[in-house]
Amino acid sequence: MEVKLNMEWLLEKKKMKLKDLEKRVNLSYQQLWNIKEWRTSKISFDTIWELLKGFNCKPNDLFIVTK
């Protein structure tokens, strides 16, 4: 099983761009882009919290589990 971030889907669902999300969170555009493009190997709880606040969603919306 793999756990992945569902950022693409949330950005589309919320009709947001990374610049919009950047304004809502305490993360830089570069950090958000790296997360979205899977260029990070790990993510901190603080970053997860910022994404949850920025998307105004629950953890089960932010993550997807694949087999």
N, C-alpha and C. Protein backbone atom coordinates (compact mmCIF):
# COMPACT_ATOMS: atom_id res chain seq x y z
N MET A 1 0.83 -1.19 0.00
CA MET A 1 0.00 0.00 0.00
C MET A 1 0.87 1.25 0.00
N GLU A 2 0.38 2.27 -0.65
CA GLU A 2 1.04 3.58 -0.66
C GLU A 2 0.05 4.64 -0.22
N VAL A 3 0.56 5.61 0.49
CA VAL A 3 -0.25 6.77 0.88
C VAL A 3 0.26 7.94 0.06
N LYS A 4 -0.64 8.61 -0.62
CA LYS A 4 -0.25 9.75 -1.47
C LYS A 4 -1.12 10.95 -1.14
N LEU A 5 -0.56 12.12 -1.44
CA LEU A 5 -1.32 13.35 -1.29
C LEU A 5 -2.21 13.55 -2.51
N ASN A 6 -3.38 14.02 -2.27
CA ASN A 6 -4.37 14.21 -3.31
C ASN A 6 -4.45 15.69 -3.71
N MET A 7 -3.30 16.34 -3.85
CA MET A 7 -3.27 17.78 -4.09
C MET A 7 -3.88 18.20 -5.42
N GLU A 8 -3.59 17.47 -6.47
CA GLU A 8 -4.15 17.81 -7.80
C GLU A 8 -5.67 17.87 -7.73
N TRP A 9 -6.26 16.84 -7.16
CA TRP A 9 -7.71 16.74 -7.07
C TRP A 9 -8.28 17.88 -6.22
N LEU A 10 -7.63 18.17 -5.08
CA LEU A 10 -8.11 19.25 -4.21
C LEU A 10 -7.99 20.61 -4.89
N LEU A 11 -6.90 20.83 -5.59
CA LEU A 11 -6.75 22.10 -6.31
C LEU A 11 -7.87 22.26 -7.34
N GLU A 12 -8.18 21.20 -8.06
CA GLU A 12 -9.27 21.26 -9.05
C GLU A 12 -10.62 21.43 -8.37
N LYS A 13 -10.86 20.65 -7.32
CA LYS A 13 -12.15 20.70 -6.61
C LYS A 13 -12.41 22.09 -6.03
N LYS A 14 -11.37 22.68 -5.45
CA LYS A 14 -11.51 24.00 -4.82
C LYS A 14 -11.31 25.15 -5.81
N LYS A 15 -11.05 24.79 -7.10
CA LYS A 15 -10.82 25.79 -8.15
C LYS A 15 -9.72 26.76 -7.74
N MET A 16 -8.59 26.17 -7.32
CA MET A 16 -7.46 26.96 -6.85
C MET A 16 -6.23 26.66 -7.69
N LYS A 17 -5.33 27.60 -7.68
CA LYS A 17 -4.00 27.43 -8.25
C LYS A 17 -3.02 27.43 -7.07
N LEU A 18 -1.80 27.02 -7.32
CA LEU A 18 -0.81 27.01 -6.24
C LEU A 18 -0.62 28.39 -5.63
N LYS A 19 -0.69 29.43 -6.45
CA LYS A 19 -0.56 30.81 -5.93
C LYS A 19 -1.68 31.12 -4.93
N ASP A 20 -2.89 30.64 -5.21
CA ASP A 20 -4.01 30.85 -4.28
C ASP A 20 -3.74 30.13 -2.96
N LEU A 21 -3.26 28.90 -3.07
CA LEU A 21 -2.97 28.11 -1.87
C LEU A 21 -1.83 28.76 -1.08
N GLU A 22 -0.83 29.27 -1.77
CA GLU A 22 0.31 29.92 -1.12
C GLU A 22 -0.15 31.07 -0.22
N LYS A 23 -1.16 31.80 -0.66
CA LYS A 23 -1.67 32.93 0.11
C LYS A 23 -2.38 32.48 1.39
N ARG A 24 -2.84 31.23 1.41
CA ARG A 24 -3.59 30.72 2.56
C ARG A 24 -2.75 29.99 3.58
N VAL A 25 -1.53 29.62 3.21
CA VAL A 25 -0.71 28.78 4.08
C VAL A 25 0.64 29.43 4.36
N ASN A 26 1.33 28.87 5.33
CA ASN A 26 2.65 29.36 5.69
C ASN A 26 3.71 28.51 5.00
N LEU A 27 3.58 28.37 3.67
CA LEU A 27 4.51 27.60 2.85
C LEU A 27 4.79 28.41 1.59
N SER A 28 5.99 28.27 1.07
CA SER A 28 6.33 29.01 -0.14
C SER A 28 5.77 28.32 -1.38
N TYR A 29 5.71 29.06 -2.46
CA TYR A 29 5.26 28.50 -3.73
C TYR A 29 6.16 27.32 -4.13
N GLN A 30 7.47 27.47 -3.94
CA GLN A 30 8.41 26.40 -4.29
C GLN A 30 8.15 25.14 -3.48
N GLN A 31 7.88 25.30 -2.20
CA GLN A 31 7.57 24.13 -1.36
C GLN A 31 6.30 23.44 -1.85
N LEU A 32 5.27 24.22 -2.14
CA LEU A 32 4.02 23.66 -2.62
C LEU A 32 4.21 22.95 -3.96
N TRP A 33 4.97 23.57 -4.83
CA TRP A 33 5.22 22.97 -6.14
C TRP A 33 5.96 21.64 -5.99
N ASN A 34 6.98 21.62 -5.13
CA ASN A 34 7.73 20.39 -4.89
C ASN A 34 6.83 19.28 -4.34
N ILE A 35 5.95 19.62 -3.44
CA ILE A 35 5.03 18.63 -2.88
C ILE A 35 4.09 18.13 -3.97
N LYS A 36 3.53 19.04 -4.73
CA LYS A 36 2.59 18.68 -5.79
C LYS A 36 3.23 17.79 -6.85
N GLU A 37 4.47 18.07 -7.18
CA GLU A 37 5.18 17.32 -8.23
C GLU A 37 5.93 16.11 -7.71
N TRP A 38 5.71 15.74 -6.46
CA TRP A 38 6.34 14.57 -5.85
C TRP A 38 7.86 14.68 -5.84
N ARG A 39 8.38 15.86 -5.59
CA ARG A 39 9.82 16.07 -5.53
C ARG A 39 10.32 16.12 -4.09
N THR A 40 9.48 15.74 -3.17
CA THR A 40 9.87 15.66 -1.76
C THR A 40 9.82 14.21 -1.31
N SER A 41 10.70 13.84 -0.43
CA SER A 41 10.72 12.46 0.04
C SER A 41 9.98 12.27 1.36
N LYS A 42 9.75 13.38 2.06
CA LYS A 42 8.98 13.31 3.31
C LYS A 42 8.29 14.64 3.55
N ILE A 43 7.30 14.60 4.42
CA ILE A 43 6.50 15.79 4.70
C ILE A 43 6.24 15.83 6.21
N SER A 44 6.39 16.99 6.79
CA SER A 44 6.23 17.12 8.25
C SER A 44 4.76 17.28 8.62
N PHE A 45 4.47 17.04 9.89
CA PHE A 45 3.12 17.24 10.38
C PHE A 45 2.70 18.70 10.27
N ASP A 46 3.65 19.61 10.46
CA ASP A 46 3.34 21.04 10.32
C ASP A 46 2.89 21.36 8.89
N THR A 47 3.56 20.77 7.92
CA THR A 47 3.19 20.98 6.52
C THR A 47 1.83 20.39 6.23
N ILE A 48 1.57 19.20 6.76
CA ILE A 48 0.25 18.58 6.58
C ILE A 48 -0.82 19.48 7.17
N TRP A 49 -0.56 20.01 8.36
CA TRP A 49 -1.53 20.90 9.01
C TRP A 49 -1.79 22.15 8.15
N GLU A 50 -0.74 22.72 7.59
CA GLU A 50 -0.89 23.89 6.72
C GLU A 50 -1.74 23.56 5.50
N LEU A 51 -1.51 22.40 4.90
CA LEU A 51 -2.30 21.99 3.73
C LEU A 51 -3.76 21.77 4.11
N LEU A 52 -4.02 21.15 5.24
CA LEU A 52 -5.40 20.94 5.70
C LEU A 52 -6.11 22.28 5.90
N LYS A 53 -5.40 23.24 6.51
CA LYS A 53 -5.98 24.57 6.71
C LYS A 53 -6.20 25.27 5.37
N GLY A 54 -5.21 25.19 4.51
CA GLY A 54 -5.29 25.88 3.22
C GLY A 54 -6.42 25.37 2.33
N PHE A 55 -6.61 24.05 2.34
CA PHE A 55 -7.68 23.46 1.54
C PHE A 55 -9.01 23.42 2.30
N ASN A 56 -8.96 23.71 3.61
CA ASN A 56 -10.14 23.61 4.46
C ASN A 56 -10.78 22.22 4.28
N CYS A 57 -9.97 21.20 4.53
CA CYS A 57 -10.44 19.83 4.32
C CYS A 57 -10.02 18.94 5.49
N LYS A 58 -10.48 17.71 5.44
CA LYS A 58 -10.13 16.72 6.45
C LYS A 58 -8.98 15.86 5.92
N PRO A 59 -8.26 15.18 6.83
CA PRO A 59 -7.15 14.34 6.39
C PRO A 59 -7.53 13.31 5.33
N ASN A 60 -8.73 12.73 5.43
CA ASN A 60 -9.11 11.72 4.44
C ASN A 60 -9.38 12.33 3.06
N ASP A 61 -9.49 13.65 2.97
CA ASP A 61 -9.58 14.32 1.67
C ASP A 61 -8.19 14.58 1.10
N LEU A 62 -7.23 14.81 1.97
CA LEU A 62 -5.88 15.15 1.55
C LEU A 62 -5.07 13.93 1.12
N PHE A 63 -5.37 12.79 1.72
CA PHE A 63 -4.60 11.57 1.43
C PHE A 63 -5.44 10.54 0.69
N ILE A 64 -4.78 9.79 -0.18
CA ILE A 64 -5.40 8.63 -0.80
C ILE A 64 -4.48 7.44 -0.58
N VAL A 65 -5.09 6.28 -0.43
CA VAL A 65 -4.34 5.05 -0.22
C VAL A 65 -4.49 4.19 -1.47
N THR A 66 -3.37 3.78 -2.04
CA THR A 66 -3.41 2.94 -3.23
C THR A 66 -2.78 1.59 -2.91
N LYS A 67 -3.12 0.62 -3.70
CA LYS A 67 -2.57 -0.72 -3.50
C LYS A 67 -1.36 -0.94 -4.36
